[in-house]
Amino acid sequence: MQSFSWKSPFFLGAVALVLLIIASLTFSIVPETKQGIVVSYGQPKRVWNAYQDNEVFGSTGAGLHARIPFVEQVAWIDKRIMGVEMERQEVLSTDQLRLQVDAFARFRVTDPLLMYRRIRTEDGLKTQLRTILGSSLRNELGKREFATLLSPERGQVMNNIQTALNAEAQKYGAEIIDVRIKRADLPEGTPLASAYERMRSARNQEAVAIDAEGRKEAQVIRAEADAEAARIYAESYGKDADFYDFYRAMESYRTTFNNDTKGNGDTSVILSPNNDYLRQFRGRR
């Protein structure tokens, strides 16, 4: 029977394998893009490479870390900005239009311990944020008209949604970076045609109102101009009655003999040379 040898290749290989397994369970390499939560018996104990404001790449807590093998495990959480997309939802605006809205949000995990205690995984966090985003979107757009999404006020709407979503996200250790609406469409079919017809009617009414206001202003300007002209005529009559009489006669002749807008008169008038209407043609004596 062969005796056992401590220098046996099989024994040394087994020892090396055990040491390798223990080392793999003891040491972990934390990348720059990850946060590691050390968990012992289901309870989070500490964080490796936790997110910090204004941190410098290469000067974080990434690198080689050790833990107690078989007792402590590591849960990994992404340190980068992540996204969550909301499934298309129907929102009712204040002008009773049903909108089909697609939206998305960008976020990052800033408190991994709180996030792990509250919701455990990134997928669970994304599901929760997707639900909150839909609720915030319905609450905010339900206070607005459809035209708001086509105006500069849309930016304020997005800020309000981001503020509301961020207040809820902080309860799960996350921070909302941005919120955007990708599309906001009216449902196809009769609702869409009806909405277009209402928008067309509203624009036609606005055009009629603008035209009426323009006509009113034109009448006021014309009346003011006529009054100013009458005042000037009156002043000229007071200063030189003969010149005023001559000017008015010339205006009358132009109106009578030049009935063409281009000044080509073709009116025939038969009057006695001594007719008072033609007095200005006789000259002054």
C-alpha atoms as a PDB file:
ATOM      1  CA  MET A   1       0.000   0.000   0.000  1.00  0.00           C
ATOM      2  CA  GLN A   2       1.370   3.357  -1.099  1.00  0.00           C
ATOM      3  CA  SER A   3       2.001   5.821   1.770  1.00  0.00           C
ATOM      4  CA  PHE A   4       0.526   9.345   1.782  1.00  0.00           C
ATOM      5  CA  SER A   5       2.935  12.090   0.793  1.00  0.00           C
ATOM      6  CA  TRP A   6       2.516  15.795   1.544  1.00  0.00           C
ATOM      7  CA  LYS A   7       4.425  16.529  -1.593  1.00  0.00           C
ATOM      8  CA  SER A   8       2.095  14.548  -3.783  1.00  0.00           C
ATOM      9  CA  PRO A   9       1.065  16.497  -6.919  1.00  0.00           C
ATOM     10  CA  PHE A  10      -2.553  15.614  -6.316  1.00  0.00           C
ATOM     11  CA  PHE A  11      -2.456  16.969  -2.769  1.00  0.00           C
ATOM     12  CA  LEU A  12      -0.666  20.144  -3.821  1.00  0.00           C
ATOM     13  CA  GLY A  13      -3.139  20.638  -6.670  1.00  0.00           C
ATOM     14  CA  ALA A  14      -6.093  20.203  -4.284  1.00  0.00           C
ATOM     15  CA  VAL A  15      -4.587  22.694  -1.822  1.00  0.00           C
ATOM     16  CA  ALA A  16      -4.010  25.203  -4.626  1.00  0.00           C
ATOM     17  CA  LEU A  17      -7.588  24.785  -5.802  1.00  0.00           C
ATOM     18  CA  VAL A  18      -8.965  25.361  -2.285  1.00  0.00           C
ATOM     19  CA  LEU A  19      -6.778  28.432  -1.820  1.00  0.00           C
ATOM     20  CA  LEU A  20      -7.916  29.775  -5.173  1.00  0.00           C
ATOM     21  CA  ILE A  21     -11.568  29.334  -4.217  1.00  0.00           C
ATOM     22  CA  ILE A  22     -11.008  31.018  -0.846  1.00  0.00           C
ATOM     23  CA  ALA A  23      -9.164  33.884  -2.522  1.00  0.00           C
ATOM     24  CA  SER A  24     -11.971  34.357  -5.038  1.00  0.00           C
ATOM     25  CA  LEU A  25     -14.457  34.487  -2.150  1.00  0.00           C
ATOM     26  CA  THR A  26     -12.240  36.881  -0.177  1.00  0.00           C
ATOM     27  CA  PHE A  27     -11.068  39.404  -2.742  1.00  0.00           C
ATOM     28  CA  SER A  28     -13.130  41.307  -5.306  1.00  0.00           C
ATOM     29  CA  ILE A  29     -12.121  43.820  -7.926  1.00  0.00           C
ATOM     30  CA  VAL A  30     -14.516  46.756  -7.915  1.00  0.00           C
ATOM     31  CA  PRO A  31     -14.727  48.556 -11.305  1.00  0.00           C
ATOM     32  CA  GLU A  32     -15.151  52.336 -11.576  1.00  0.00           C
ATOM     33  CA  THR A  33     -18.669  51.875 -12.941  1.00  0.00           C
ATOM     34  CA  LYS A  34     -19.994  49.756 -10.052  1.00  0.00           C
ATOM     35  CA  GLN A  35     -20.917  50.158  -6.401  1.00  0.00           C
ATOM     36  CA  GLY A  36     -20.487  47.065  -4.262  1.00  0.00           C
ATOM     37  CA  ILE A  37     -22.709  46.412  -1.240  1.00  0.00           C
ATOM     38  CA  VAL A  38     -21.230  43.910   1.201  1.00  0.00           C
ATOM     39  CA  VAL A  39     -24.070  41.806   2.614  1.00  0.00           C
ATOM     40  CA  SER A  40     -23.868  39.501   5.636  1.00  0.00           C
ATOM     41  CA  TYR A  41     -26.786  37.157   6.288  1.00  0.00           C
ATOM     42  CA  GLY A  42     -29.081  39.364   4.204  1.00  0.00           C
ATOM     43  CA  GLN A  43     -28.101  42.612   5.939  1.00  0.00           C
ATOM     44  CA  PRO A  44     -26.031  45.271   4.136  1.00  0.00           C
ATOM     45  CA  LYS A  45     -22.886  46.173   6.063  1.00  0.00           C
ATOM     46  CA  ARG A  46     -20.796  48.564   3.978  1.00  0.00           C
ATOM     47  CA  VAL A  47     -20.375  49.980   0.464  1.00  0.00           C
ATOM     48  CA  TRP A  48     -17.406  49.824  -1.850  1.00  0.00           C
ATOM     49  CA  ASN A  49     -16.886  52.659  -4.336  1.00  0.00           C
ATOM     50  CA  ALA A  50     -19.999  54.580  -3.236  1.00  0.00           C
ATOM     51  CA  TYR A  51     -21.178  57.482  -5.409  1.00  0.00           C
ATOM     52  CA  GLN A  52     -19.992  60.950  -4.378  1.00  0.00           C
ATOM     53  CA  ASP A  53     -20.670  64.357  -5.911  1.00  0.00           C
ATOM     54  CA  ASN A  54     -17.829  65.837  -7.973  1.00  0.00           C
ATOM     55  CA  GLU A  55     -15.700  62.714  -7.653  1.00  0.00           C
ATOM     56  CA  VAL A  56     -12.663  62.397  -9.945  1.00  0.00           C
ATOM     57  CA  PHE A  57     -12.291  59.343 -12.154  1.00  0.00           C
ATOM     58  CA  GLY A  58      -9.414  57.225 -10.858  1.00  0.00           C
ATOM     59  CA  SER A  59      -9.629  58.632  -7.322  1.00  0.00           C
ATOM     60  CA  THR A  60     -12.698  56.733  -6.157  1.00  0.00           C
ATOM     61  CA  GLY A  61     -13.002  53.592  -4.062  1.00  0.00           C
ATOM     62  CA  ALA A  62     -12.614  51.251  -7.012  1.00  0.00           C
ATOM     63  CA  GLY A  63      -9.966  48.517  -6.953  1.00  0.00           C
ATOM     64  CA  LEU A  64      -9.205  45.410  -4.889  1.00  0.00           C
ATOM     65  CA  HIS A  65     -11.320  44.853  -1.737  1.00  0.00           C
ATOM     66  CA  ALA A  66     -11.523  42.010   0.773  1.00  0.00           C
ATOM     67  CA  ARG A  67     -14.437  40.440   2.612  1.00  0.00           C
ATOM     68  CA  ILE A  68     -15.020  37.499   4.926  1.00  0.00           C
ATOM     69  CA  PRO A  69     -15.429  34.387   2.751  1.00  0.00           C
ATOM     70  CA  PHE A  70     -18.596  32.299   3.056  1.00  0.00           C
ATOM     71  CA  VAL A  71     -20.074  34.959   5.396  1.00  0.00           C
ATOM     72  CA  GLU A  72     -20.175  38.100   3.302  1.00  0.00           C
ATOM     73  CA  GLN A  73     -21.441  38.419  -0.256  1.00  0.00           C
ATOM     74  CA  VAL A  74     -21.377  41.360  -2.685  1.00  0.00           C
ATOM     75  CA  ALA A  75     -24.385  42.867  -4.481  1.00  0.00           C
ATOM     76  CA  TRP A  76     -23.446  45.047  -7.447  1.00  0.00           C
ATOM     77  CA  ILE A  77     -25.229  48.307  -8.351  1.00  0.00           C
ATOM     78  CA  ASP A  78     -24.430  50.393 -11.405  1.00  0.00           C
ATOM     79  CA  LYS A  79     -22.820  53.745 -10.641  1.00  0.00           C
ATOM     80  CA  ARG A  80     -23.540  55.274 -14.043  1.00  0.00           C
ATOM     81  CA  ILE A  81     -26.618  57.153 -15.211  1.00  0.00           C
ATOM     82  CA  MET A  82     -29.366  54.698 -16.104  1.00  0.00           C
ATOM     83  CA  GLY A  83     -32.627  55.080 -17.975  1.00  0.00           C
ATOM     84  CA  VAL A  84     -36.200  53.953 -17.526  1.00  0.00           C
ATOM     85  CA  GLU A  85     -38.818  54.151 -20.257  1.00  0.00           C
ATOM     86  CA  MET A  86     -42.507  54.430 -19.496  1.00  0.00           C
ATOM     87  CA  GLU A  87     -44.906  52.334 -21.502  1.00  0.00           C
ATOM     88  CA  ARG A  88     -47.344  54.338 -23.624  1.00  0.00           C
ATOM     89  CA  GLN A  89     -50.181  55.612 -21.457  1.00  0.00           C
ATOM     90  CA  GLU A  90     -53.406  57.469 -22.084  1.00  0.00           C
ATOM     91  CA  VAL A  91     -53.713  60.865 -20.392  1.00  0.00           C
ATOM     92  CA  LEU A  92     -56.804  63.105 -20.312  1.00  0.00           C
ATOM     93  CA  SER A  93     -56.004  66.819 -20.695  1.00  0.00           C
ATOM     94  CA  THR A  94     -58.142  69.669 -19.351  1.00  0.00           C
ATOM     95  CA  ASP A  95     -59.650  70.287 -22.805  1.00  0.00           C
ATOM     96  CA  GLN A  96     -60.943  66.691 -22.714  1.00  0.00           C
ATOM     97  CA  LEU A  97     -58.430  65.293 -25.218  1.00  0.00           C
ATOM     98  CA  ARG A  98     -57.129  61.775 -24.666  1.00  0.00           C
ATOM     99  CA  LEU A  99     -53.394  61.755 -25.361  1.00  0.00           C
ATOM    100  CA  GLN A 100     -51.132  58.782 -26.008  1.00  0.00           C
ATOM    101  CA  VAL A 101     -47.895  59.704 -24.206  1.00  0.00           C
ATOM    102  CA  ASP A 102     -44.434  58.095 -24.281  1.00  0.00           C
ATOM    103  CA  ALA A 103     -41.845  59.346 -21.777  1.00  0.00           C
ATOM    104  CA  PHE A 104     -38.488  58.395 -20.288  1.00  0.00           C
ATOM    105  CA  ALA A 105     -36.347  59.386 -17.298  1.00  0.00           C
ATOM    106  CA  ARG A 106     -32.619  59.298 -16.546  1.00  0.00           C
ATOM    107  CA  PHE A 107     -31.443  58.530 -12.995  1.00  0.00           C
ATOM    108  CA  ARG A 108     -28.531  57.330 -10.897  1.00  0.00           C
ATOM    109  CA  VAL A 109     -28.272  55.551  -7.538  1.00  0.00           C
ATOM    110  CA  THR A 110     -26.766  57.982  -5.008  1.00  0.00           C
ATOM    111  CA  ASP A 111     -27.503  56.026  -1.809  1.00  0.00           C
ATOM    112  CA  PRO A 112     -26.934  52.329  -2.529  1.00  0.00           C
ATOM    113  CA  LEU A 113     -27.536  51.215   1.075  1.00  0.00           C
ATOM    114  CA  LEU A 114     -30.984  52.845   1.149  1.00  0.00           C
ATOM    115  CA  MET A 115     -31.759  51.480  -2.291  1.00  0.00           C
ATOM    116  CA  TYR A 116     -30.787  47.938  -1.232  1.00  0.00           C
ATOM    117  CA  ARG A 117     -32.808  48.096   1.977  1.00  0.00           C
ATOM    118  CA  ARG A 118     -35.918  49.442   0.229  1.00  0.00           C
ATOM    119  CA  ILE A 119     -36.017  47.627  -3.081  1.00  0.00           C
ATOM    120  CA  ARG A 120     -32.930  45.345  -3.365  1.00  0.00           C
ATOM    121  CA  THR A 121     -32.271  45.267  -7.149  1.00  0.00           C
ATOM    122  CA  GLU A 122     -31.877  47.704 -10.039  1.00  0.00           C
ATOM    123  CA  ASP A 123     -34.730  46.024 -11.898  1.00  0.00           C
ATOM    124  CA  GLY A 124     -37.008  46.552  -8.921  1.00  0.00           C
ATOM    125  CA  LEU A 125     -35.978  50.220  -8.757  1.00  0.00           C
ATOM    126  CA  LYS A 126     -36.661  50.711 -12.472  1.00  0.00           C
ATOM    127  CA  THR A 127     -40.100  49.137 -12.119  1.00  0.00           C
ATOM    128  CA  GLN A 128     -40.925  51.428  -9.196  1.00  0.00           C
ATOM    129  CA  LEU A 129     -39.672  54.545 -10.993  1.00  0.00           C
ATOM    130  CA  ARG A 130     -41.630  53.603 -14.125  1.00  0.00           C
ATOM    131  CA  THR A 131     -44.826  53.458 -12.063  1.00  0.00           C
ATOM    132  CA  ILE A 132     -44.096  56.783 -10.331  1.00  0.00           C
ATOM    133  CA  LEU A 133     -43.227  58.433 -13.671  1.00  0.00           C
ATOM    134  CA  GLY A 134     -46.572  57.406 -15.133  1.00  0.00           C
ATOM    135  CA  SER A 135     -48.440  58.729 -12.090  1.00  0.00           C
ATOM    136  CA  SER A 136     -46.546  62.056 -12.099  1.00  0.00           C
ATOM    137  CA  LEU A 137     -47.114  62.456 -15.831  1.00  0.00           C
ATOM    138  CA  ARG A 138     -50.858  61.893 -15.549  1.00  0.00           C
ATOM    139  CA  ASN A 139     -51.159  64.297 -12.602  1.00  0.00           C
ATOM    140  CA  GLU A 140     -49.253  67.104 -14.364  1.00  0.00           C
ATOM    141  CA  LEU A 141     -50.719  66.756 -17.860  1.00  0.00           C
ATOM    142  CA  GLY A 142     -54.183  66.398 -16.365  1.00  0.00           C
ATOM    143  CA  LYS A 143     -53.856  70.055 -15.298  1.00  0.00           C
ATOM    144  CA  ARG A 144     -52.899  71.282 -18.778  1.00  0.00           C
ATOM    145  CA  GLU A 145     -54.385  71.713 -22.225  1.00  0.00           C
ATOM    146  CA  PHE A 146     -53.050  69.792 -25.204  1.00  0.00           C
ATOM    147  CA  ALA A 147     -51.641  73.001 -26.730  1.00  0.00           C
ATOM    148  CA  THR A 148     -49.300  73.282 -23.716  1.00  0.00           C
ATOM    149  CA  LEU A 149     -47.203  70.421 -25.109  1.00  0.00           C
ATOM    150  CA  LEU A 150     -46.667  72.437 -28.291  1.00  0.00           C
ATOM    151  CA  SER A 151     -45.634  75.657 -26.547  1.00  0.00           C
ATOM    152  CA  PRO A 152     -42.585  76.851 -24.549  1.00  0.00           C
ATOM    153  CA  GLU A 153     -44.587  76.015 -21.404  1.00  0.00           C
ATOM    154  CA  ARG A 154     -43.699  72.383 -22.065  1.00  0.00           C
ATOM    155  CA  GLY A 155     -40.316  72.983 -20.384  1.00  0.00           C
ATOM    156  CA  GLN A 156     -42.038  74.013 -17.164  1.00  0.00           C
ATOM    157  CA  VAL A 157     -44.237  70.913 -17.357  1.00  0.00           C
ATOM    158  CA  MET A 158     -41.127  68.721 -17.595  1.00  0.00           C
ATOM    159  CA  ASN A 159     -39.529  70.488 -14.634  1.00  0.00           C
ATOM    160  CA  ASN A 160     -42.645  69.905 -12.523  1.00  0.00           C
ATOM    161  CA  ILE A 161     -42.705  66.216 -13.445  1.00  0.00           C
ATOM    162  CA  GLN A 162     -38.991  65.856 -12.669  1.00  0.00           C
ATOM    163  CA  THR A 163     -39.419  67.546  -9.272  1.00  0.00           C
ATOM    164  CA  ALA A 164     -42.318  65.268  -8.323  1.00  0.00           C
ATOM    165  CA  LEU A 165     -40.510  62.154  -9.558  1.00  0.00           C
ATOM    166  CA  ASN A 166     -37.279  63.104  -7.811  1.00  0.00           C
ATOM    167  CA  ALA A 167     -39.089  63.547  -4.481  1.00  0.00           C
ATOM    168  CA  GLU A 168     -40.271  59.936  -4.713  1.00  0.00           C
ATOM    169  CA  ALA A 169     -37.005  58.581  -6.119  1.00  0.00           C
ATOM    170  CA  GLN A 170     -35.016  59.929  -3.153  1.00  0.00           C
ATOM    171  CA  LYS A 171     -37.009  57.586  -0.928  1.00  0.00           C
ATOM    172  CA  TYR A 172     -35.272  54.729  -2.765  1.00  0.00           C
ATOM    173  CA  GLY A 173     -31.776  56.243  -2.792  1.00  0.00           C
ATOM    174  CA  ALA A 174     -31.960  57.509  -6.405  1.00  0.00           C
ATOM    175  CA  GLU A 175     -31.674  60.899  -8.057  1.00  0.00           C
ATOM    176  CA  ILE A 176     -33.565  61.906 -11.218  1.00  0.00           C
ATOM    177  CA  ILE A 177     -31.289  63.581 -13.765  1.00  0.00           C
ATOM    178  CA  ASP A 178     -33.772  64.303 -16.538  1.00  0.00           C
ATOM    179  CA  VAL A 179     -37.329  63.630 -17.686  1.00  0.00           C
ATOM    180  CA  ARG A 180     -38.533  63.938 -21.278  1.00  0.00           C
ATOM    181  CA  ILE A 181     -41.684  63.257 -23.284  1.00  0.00           C
ATOM    182  CA  LYS A 182     -40.818  61.417 -26.486  1.00  0.00           C
ATOM    183  CA  ARG A 183     -44.236  61.603 -28.100  1.00  0.00           C
ATOM    184  CA  ALA A 184     -47.686  62.928 -27.255  1.00  0.00           C
ATOM    185  CA  ASP A 185     -50.205  61.878 -29.889  1.00  0.00           C
ATOM    186  CA  LEU A 186     -53.949  61.948 -30.166  1.00  0.00           C
ATOM    187  CA  PRO A 187     -55.639  58.568 -30.681  1.00  0.00           C
ATOM    188  CA  GLU A 188     -56.226  57.596 -34.302  1.00  0.00           C
ATOM    189  CA  GLY A 189     -59.728  57.761 -35.747  1.00  0.00           C
ATOM    190  CA  THR A 190     -62.685  59.893 -34.676  1.00  0.00           C
ATOM    191  CA  PRO A 191     -61.035  61.494 -31.588  1.00  0.00           C
ATOM    192  CA  LEU A 192     -58.145  62.731 -33.725  1.00  0.00           C
ATOM    193  CA  ALA A 193     -60.418  64.115 -36.458  1.00  0.00           C
ATOM    194  CA  SER A 194     -62.630  65.748 -33.838  1.00  0.00           C
ATOM    195  CA  ALA A 195     -59.639  67.359 -32.158  1.00  0.00           C
ATOM    196  CA  TYR A 196     -58.375  68.722 -35.472  1.00  0.00           C
ATOM    197  CA  GLU A 197     -61.825  70.138 -36.220  1.00  0.00           C
ATOM    198  CA  ARG A 198     -61.975  71.859 -32.818  1.00  0.00           C
ATOM    199  CA  MET A 199     -58.506  73.290 -33.339  1.00  0.00           C
ATOM    200  CA  ARG A 200     -59.498  74.496 -36.834  1.00  0.00           C
ATOM    201  CA  SER A 201     -62.672  76.131 -35.506  1.00  0.00           C
ATOM    202  CA  ALA A 202     -60.740  77.832 -32.705  1.00  0.00           C
ATOM    203  CA  ARG A 203     -58.202  79.215 -35.190  1.00  0.00           C
ATOM    204  CA  ASN A 204     -60.980  80.423 -37.519  1.00  0.00           C
ATOM    205  CA  GLN A 205     -62.666  82.221 -34.630  1.00  0.00           C
ATOM    206  CA  GLU A 206     -59.356  83.787 -33.679  1.00  0.00           C
ATOM    207  CA  ALA A 207     -58.829  84.915 -37.296  1.00  0.00           C
ATOM    208  CA  VAL A 208     -62.298  86.480 -37.418  1.00  0.00           C
ATOM    209  CA  ALA A 209     -61.648  88.305 -34.151  1.00  0.00           C
ATOM    210  CA  ILE A 210     -58.296  89.605 -35.408  1.00  0.00           C
ATOM    211  CA  ASP A 211     -59.873  90.747 -38.702  1.00  0.00           C
ATOM    212  CA  ALA A 212     -62.676  92.558 -36.854  1.00  0.00           C
ATOM    213  CA  GLU A 213     -60.180  94.243 -34.560  1.00  0.00           C
ATOM    214  CA  GLY A 214     -58.125  95.309 -37.571  1.00  0.00           C
ATOM    215  CA  ARG A 215     -61.164  96.777 -39.311  1.00  0.00           C
ATOM    216  CA  LYS A 216     -62.076  98.650 -36.133  1.00  0.00           C
ATOM    217  CA  GLU A 217     -58.591 100.111 -35.815  1.00  0.00           C
ATOM    218  CA  ALA A 218     -58.622 101.042 -39.527  1.00  0.00           C
ATOM    219  CA  GLN A 219     -61.906 102.927 -39.091  1.00  0.00           C
ATOM    220  CA  VAL A 220     -60.508 104.770 -36.085  1.00  0.00           C
ATOM    221  CA  ILE A 221     -57.347 105.718 -37.978  1.00  0.00           C
ATOM    222  CA  ARG A 222     -59.384 106.797 -41.031  1.00  0.00           C
ATOM    223  CA  ALA A 223     -61.692 108.916 -38.884  1.00  0.00           C
ATOM    224  CA  GLU A 224     -58.731 110.541 -37.140  1.00  0.00           C
ATOM    225  CA  ALA A 225     -57.096 111.233 -40.512  1.00  0.00           C
ATOM    226  CA  ASP A 226     -60.305 112.769 -41.890  1.00  0.00           C
ATOM    227  CA  ALA A 227     -60.630 114.920 -38.805  1.00  0.00           C
ATOM    228  CA  GLU A 228     -57.027 116.061 -39.148  1.00  0.00           C
ATOM    229  CA  ALA A 229     -57.586 116.842 -42.827  1.00  0.00           C
ATOM    230  CA  ALA A 230     -60.716 118.834 -42.011  1.00  0.00           C
ATOM    231  CA  ARG A 231     -58.783 120.758 -39.391  1.00  0.00           C
ATOM    232  CA  ILE A 232     -56.032 121.585 -41.876  1.00  0.00           C
ATOM    233  CA  TYR A 233     -58.605 122.642 -44.458  1.00  0.00           C
ATOM    234  CA  ALA A 234     -60.308 124.864 -41.916  1.00  0.00           C
ATOM    235  CA  GLU A 235     -57.012 126.469 -40.937  1.00  0.00           C
ATOM    236  CA  SER A 236     -56.069 127.048 -44.581  1.00  0.00           C
ATOM    237  CA  TYR A 237     -59.483 128.606 -45.281  1.00  0.00           C
ATOM    238  CA  GLY A 238     -58.986 130.970 -42.377  1.00  0.00           C
ATOM    239  CA  LYS A 239     -55.547 131.986 -43.673  1.00  0.00           C
ATOM    240  CA  ASP A 240     -56.313 132.271 -47.410  1.00  0.00           C
ATOM    241  CA  ALA A 241     -59.896 131.864 -48.579  1.00  0.00           C
ATOM    242  CA  ASP A 242     -58.996 132.246 -52.280  1.00  0.00           C
ATOM    243  CA  PHE A 243     -56.346 129.514 -52.136  1.00  0.00           C
ATOM    244  CA  TYR A 244     -58.746 127.198 -50.296  1.00  0.00           C
ATOM    245  CA  ASP A 245     -61.394 127.804 -52.951  1.00  0.00           C
ATOM    246  CA  PHE A 246     -58.830 127.099 -55.692  1.00  0.00           C
ATOM    247  CA  TYR A 247     -57.619 123.883 -54.000  1.00  0.00           C
ATOM    248  CA  ARG A 248     -61.129 122.536 -53.524  1.00  0.00           C
ATOM    249  CA  ALA A 249     -61.975 123.336 -57.151  1.00  0.00           C
ATOM    250  CA  MET A 250     -58.892 121.437 -58.361  1.00  0.00           C
ATOM    251  CA  GLU A 251     -59.889 118.437 -56.246  1.00  0.00           C
ATOM    252  CA  SER A 252     -63.357 118.547 -57.751  1.00  0.00           C
ATOM    253  CA  TYR A 253     -61.986 118.744 -61.297  1.00  0.00           C
ATOM    254  CA  ARG A 254     -59.707 115.774 -60.704  1.00  0.00           C
ATOM    255  CA  THR A 255     -62.563 113.694 -59.360  1.00  0.00           C
ATOM    256  CA  THR A 256     -64.856 114.665 -62.216  1.00  0.00           C
ATOM    257  CA  PHE A 257     -62.545 114.417 -65.218  1.00  0.00           C
ATOM    258  CA  ASN A 258     -60.097 111.688 -64.129  1.00  0.00           C
ATOM    259  CA  ASN A 259     -62.309 108.676 -63.478  1.00  0.00           C
ATOM    260  CA  ASP A 260     -59.478 106.240 -64.194  1.00  0.00           C
ATOM    261  CA  THR A 261     -57.066 105.135 -61.458  1.00  0.00           C
ATOM    262  CA  LYS A 262     -54.203 105.739 -63.920  1.00  0.00           C
ATOM    263  CA  GLY A 263     -55.232 109.331 -64.540  1.00  0.00           C
ATOM    264  CA  ASN A 264     -56.621 108.731 -68.016  1.00  0.00           C
ATOM    265  CA  GLY A 265     -59.795 110.829 -68.036  1.00  0.00           C
ATOM    266  CA  ASP A 266     -62.435 110.254 -70.685  1.00  0.00           C
ATOM    267  CA  THR A 267     -65.390 112.142 -69.180  1.00  0.00           C
ATOM    268  CA  SER A 268     -67.255 114.582 -71.439  1.00  0.00           C
ATOM    269  CA  VAL A 269     -68.893 117.611 -69.832  1.00  0.00           C
ATOM    270  CA  ILE A 270     -70.929 120.172 -71.797  1.00  0.00           C
ATOM    271  CA  LEU A 271     -71.188 123.445 -69.940  1.00  0.00           C
ATOM    272  CA  SER A 272     -71.357 127.086 -70.785  1.00  0.00           C
ATOM    273  CA  PRO A 273     -67.969 128.856 -70.545  1.00  0.00           C
ATOM    274  CA  ASN A 274     -69.580 131.232 -68.134  1.00  0.00           C
ATOM    275  CA  ASN A 275     -70.699 128.400 -65.829  1.00  0.00           C
ATOM    276  CA  ASP A 276     -69.607 129.076 -62.275  1.00  0.00           C
ATOM    277  CA  TYR A 277     -68.220 125.505 -61.947  1.00  0.00           C
ATOM    278  CA  LEU A 278     -65.491 126.360 -64.457  1.00  0.00           C
ATOM    279  CA  ARG A 279     -64.604 129.662 -62.879  1.00  0.00           C
ATOM    280  CA  GLN A 280     -61.040 128.528 -62.039  1.00  0.00           C
ATOM    281  CA  PHE A 281     -60.341 127.939 -65.752  1.00  0.00           C
ATOM    282  CA  ARG A 282     -61.119 131.546 -66.507  1.00  0.00           C
ATOM    283  CA  GLY A 283     -58.253 132.727 -64.357  1.00  0.00           C
ATOM    284  CA  ARG A 284     -58.242 135.604 -61.972  1.00  0.00           C
ATOM    285  CA  ARG A 285     -58.617 139.281 -62.852  1.00  0.00           C
END
